[in-house]
Every structure is written in structure tokens, then in C-alpha cells.
């Protein structure tokens, strides 16, 4: 039995002049949540370093 496949869209002999090329979406700005997360990480890191410094100072004073 021969394989008879029919293309979904038949090829046209003339080029499509109205076809608009698809524009690629480019995001120029990072999402706002990124700034919030970075801010929290920076604050948490500073607080952690300050607490560790207090622990070291307390351990050295004994």
C-alpha cells in the first residue's frame, strides 16, 4: 500500500507579501522581584556577619 501524505497547507507558487516576520520578545528590565530578593540577601548577609562578629568579640572577652 503506497504512502499518500497530503501536506497540511499546500505550497503556493507566489510569495506571501503580507507576511510579517515574528518579532522576538526581548525583556530589557529584570523583574522587580529580583531587586527585592537581592536586597533581602544583602541585608541578611550583613546581619549574619554582624552577629558572627558579636559572637567572636564575646568569645574573646571571656
N, C-alpha and C. Protein backbone atom coordinates (compact mmCIF):
# COMPACT_ATOMS: atom_id res chain seq x y z
N UNK A 1 0.85 -1.18 0.00
CA UNK A 1 0.00 0.00 0.00
C UNK A 1 0.89 1.24 0.00
N UNK A 2 0.77 2.10 -1.00
CA UNK A 2 1.63 3.29 -1.08
C UNK A 2 1.23 4.31 -0.02
N UNK A 3 2.22 5.07 0.41
CA UNK A 3 2.01 6.10 1.42
C UNK A 3 1.64 7.40 0.72
N UNK A 4 0.39 7.81 0.89
CA UNK A 4 -0.08 9.06 0.29
C UNK A 4 -0.22 10.10 1.40
N UNK A 5 0.78 10.95 1.53
CA UNK A 5 0.70 12.00 2.54
C UNK A 5 0.32 13.30 1.87
N UNK A 6 -0.58 14.03 2.50
CA UNK A 6 -1.04 15.31 1.98
C UNK A 6 -0.55 16.38 2.94
N UNK A 7 0.18 17.38 2.46
CA UNK A 7 0.63 18.44 3.37
C UNK A 7 -0.56 19.22 3.92
N UNK A 8 -0.40 19.75 5.13
CA UNK A 8 -1.48 20.48 5.79
C UNK A 8 -1.81 21.75 5.03
N UNK A 9 -0.79 22.46 4.55
CA UNK A 9 -1.02 23.65 3.73
C UNK A 9 -0.34 23.42 2.39
N UNK A 10 -1.08 23.51 1.34
CA UNK A 10 -0.46 23.30 0.02
C UNK A 10 0.51 24.43 -0.30
N UNK A 11 1.63 24.12 -0.89
CA UNK A 11 2.60 25.18 -1.22
C UNK A 11 2.03 26.10 -2.29
N UNK A 12 2.24 27.38 -2.12
CA UNK A 12 1.75 28.35 -3.10
C UNK A 12 2.91 28.76 -4.01
N UNK A 13 2.56 29.11 -5.23
CA UNK A 13 3.58 29.48 -6.19
C UNK A 13 4.03 30.93 -6.02
N UNK A 14 3.23 31.76 -5.35
CA UNK A 14 3.59 33.16 -5.17
C UNK A 14 4.03 33.40 -3.72
N UNK A 15 5.02 34.24 -3.50
CA UNK A 15 5.47 34.51 -2.13
C UNK A 15 4.44 35.35 -1.37
N UNK A 16 4.39 35.15 -0.08
CA UNK A 16 3.45 35.91 0.74
C UNK A 16 4.05 37.28 1.04
N UNK A 17 3.46 38.32 0.45
CA UNK A 17 4.00 39.66 0.64
C UNK A 17 3.48 40.29 1.94
N UNK A 18 2.32 39.83 2.45
CA UNK A 18 1.75 40.42 3.65
C UNK A 18 2.31 39.80 4.92
N UNK A 19 3.08 38.76 4.80
CA UNK A 19 3.57 38.06 5.98
C UNK A 19 4.53 38.96 6.76
N UNK A 20 4.23 39.14 8.03
CA UNK A 20 5.06 39.97 8.90
C UNK A 20 5.97 39.03 9.68
N UNK A 21 7.27 39.26 9.67
CA UNK A 21 8.15 38.37 10.43
C UNK A 21 7.87 38.50 11.93
N UNK A 22 7.92 37.39 12.62
CA UNK A 22 7.64 37.39 14.05
C UNK A 22 8.75 38.12 14.78
N UNK A 23 8.33 39.06 15.64
CA UNK A 23 9.33 39.81 16.40
C UNK A 23 9.65 39.03 17.67
N UNK A 24 10.91 38.97 17.98
CA UNK A 24 11.34 38.25 19.17
C UNK A 24 11.18 39.15 20.39
N UNK A 25 10.59 38.59 21.47
CA UNK A 25 10.38 39.37 22.69
C UNK A 25 11.69 39.48 23.44
N UNK A 26 12.10 40.72 23.71
CA UNK A 26 13.32 40.97 24.46
C UNK A 26 12.95 41.76 25.70
N UNK A 27 13.28 41.19 26.87
CA UNK A 27 12.98 41.89 28.11
C UNK A 27 14.16 42.75 28.49
N UNK A 28 13.93 44.06 28.58
CA UNK A 28 15.02 45.00 28.85
C UNK A 28 15.29 45.16 30.34
N UNK A 29 14.27 44.99 31.17
CA UNK A 29 14.44 45.19 32.60
C UNK A 29 14.26 43.87 33.33
N UNK A 30 15.06 43.63 34.37
CA UNK A 30 14.84 42.42 35.16
C UNK A 30 13.55 42.56 35.97
N UNK A 31 12.96 41.46 36.37
CA UNK A 31 11.72 41.56 37.14
C UNK A 31 11.95 42.25 38.48
N UNK A 32 10.91 42.90 38.98
CA UNK A 32 11.02 43.68 40.21
C UNK A 32 11.37 42.79 41.40
N UNK A 33 10.89 41.56 41.40
CA UNK A 33 11.16 40.64 42.49
C UNK A 33 12.64 40.35 42.64
N UNK A 34 13.39 40.48 41.57
CA UNK A 34 14.83 40.24 41.64
C UNK A 34 15.49 41.27 42.55
N UNK A 35 15.10 42.52 42.42
CA UNK A 35 15.68 43.56 43.28
C UNK A 35 15.34 43.32 44.74
N UNK A 36 14.11 42.88 45.00
CA UNK A 36 13.69 42.62 46.38
C UNK A 36 14.51 41.48 46.96
N UNK A 37 14.70 40.41 46.20
CA UNK A 37 15.47 39.27 46.69
C UNK A 37 16.92 39.65 46.95
N UNK A 38 17.53 40.41 46.06
CA UNK A 38 18.91 40.83 46.25
C UNK A 38 19.02 41.71 47.48
N UNK A 39 18.07 42.61 47.67
CA UNK A 39 18.07 43.47 48.85
C UNK A 39 17.98 42.64 50.13
N UNK A 40 17.10 41.66 50.15
CA UNK A 40 16.95 40.81 51.34
C UNK A 40 18.23 40.01 51.58
N UNK A 41 18.83 39.47 50.52
CA UNK A 41 20.07 38.70 50.69
C UNK A 41 21.18 39.58 51.25
N UNK A 42 21.29 40.81 50.76
CA UNK A 42 22.34 41.72 51.23
C UNK A 42 22.13 42.05 52.70
N UNK A 43 20.89 42.38 53.07
CA UNK A 43 20.59 42.70 54.48
C UNK A 43 20.85 41.48 55.36
N UNK A 44 20.39 40.31 54.92
CA UNK A 44 20.59 39.10 55.73
C UNK A 44 22.07 38.78 55.89
N UNK A 45 22.86 38.99 54.84
CA UNK A 45 24.29 38.73 54.94
C UNK A 45 24.95 39.69 55.93
N UNK A 46 24.57 40.96 55.88
CA UNK A 46 25.14 41.93 56.81
C UNK A 46 24.75 41.62 58.25
N UNK A 47 23.51 41.24 58.47
CA UNK A 47 23.06 40.88 59.82
C UNK A 47 23.81 39.65 60.31
N UNK A 48 23.98 38.66 59.46
CA UNK A 48 24.71 37.45 59.84
C UNK A 48 26.16 37.76 60.19
N UNK A 49 26.81 38.59 59.39
CA UNK A 49 28.20 38.96 59.68
C UNK A 49 28.30 39.76 60.99
N UNK A 50 27.34 40.63 61.24
CA UNK A 50 27.35 41.39 62.48
C UNK A 50 27.17 40.48 63.69
N UNK A 51 26.27 39.52 63.59
CA UNK A 51 26.07 38.58 64.70
C UNK A 51 27.30 37.72 64.93
N UNK A 52 27.94 37.28 63.84
CA UNK A 52 29.16 36.48 63.98
C UNK A 52 30.27 37.32 64.63
N UNK A 53 30.35 38.59 64.27
CA UNK A 53 31.35 39.46 64.89
C UNK A 53 31.09 39.61 66.38
N UNK A 54 29.81 39.76 66.76
CA UNK A 54 29.47 39.85 68.18
C UNK A 54 29.83 38.57 68.93
N UNK A 55 29.62 37.42 68.30
CA UNK A 55 29.98 36.15 68.93
C UNK A 55 31.49 36.06 69.13
N UNK A 56 32.25 36.48 68.11
CA UNK A 56 33.73 36.45 68.23
C UNK A 56 34.19 37.40 69.32
N UNK A 57 33.62 38.59 69.37
CA UNK A 57 34.00 39.56 70.42
C UNK A 57 33.65 39.02 71.80
N UNK A 58 32.48 38.43 71.95
CA UNK A 58 32.07 37.86 73.23
C UNK A 58 32.98 36.69 73.63
N UNK A 59 33.39 35.88 72.65
CA UNK A 59 34.26 34.73 72.97
C UNK A 59 35.66 35.21 73.35
N UNK A 60 36.14 36.27 72.74
CA UNK A 60 37.49 36.78 73.06
C UNK A 60 37.52 37.50 74.41
N UNK A 61 36.39 38.06 74.83
CA UNK A 61 36.40 38.80 76.08
C UNK A 61 36.33 37.89 77.31
N UNK A 62 36.02 36.62 77.14
CA UNK A 62 35.94 35.71 78.30
C UNK A 62 37.28 35.19 78.67
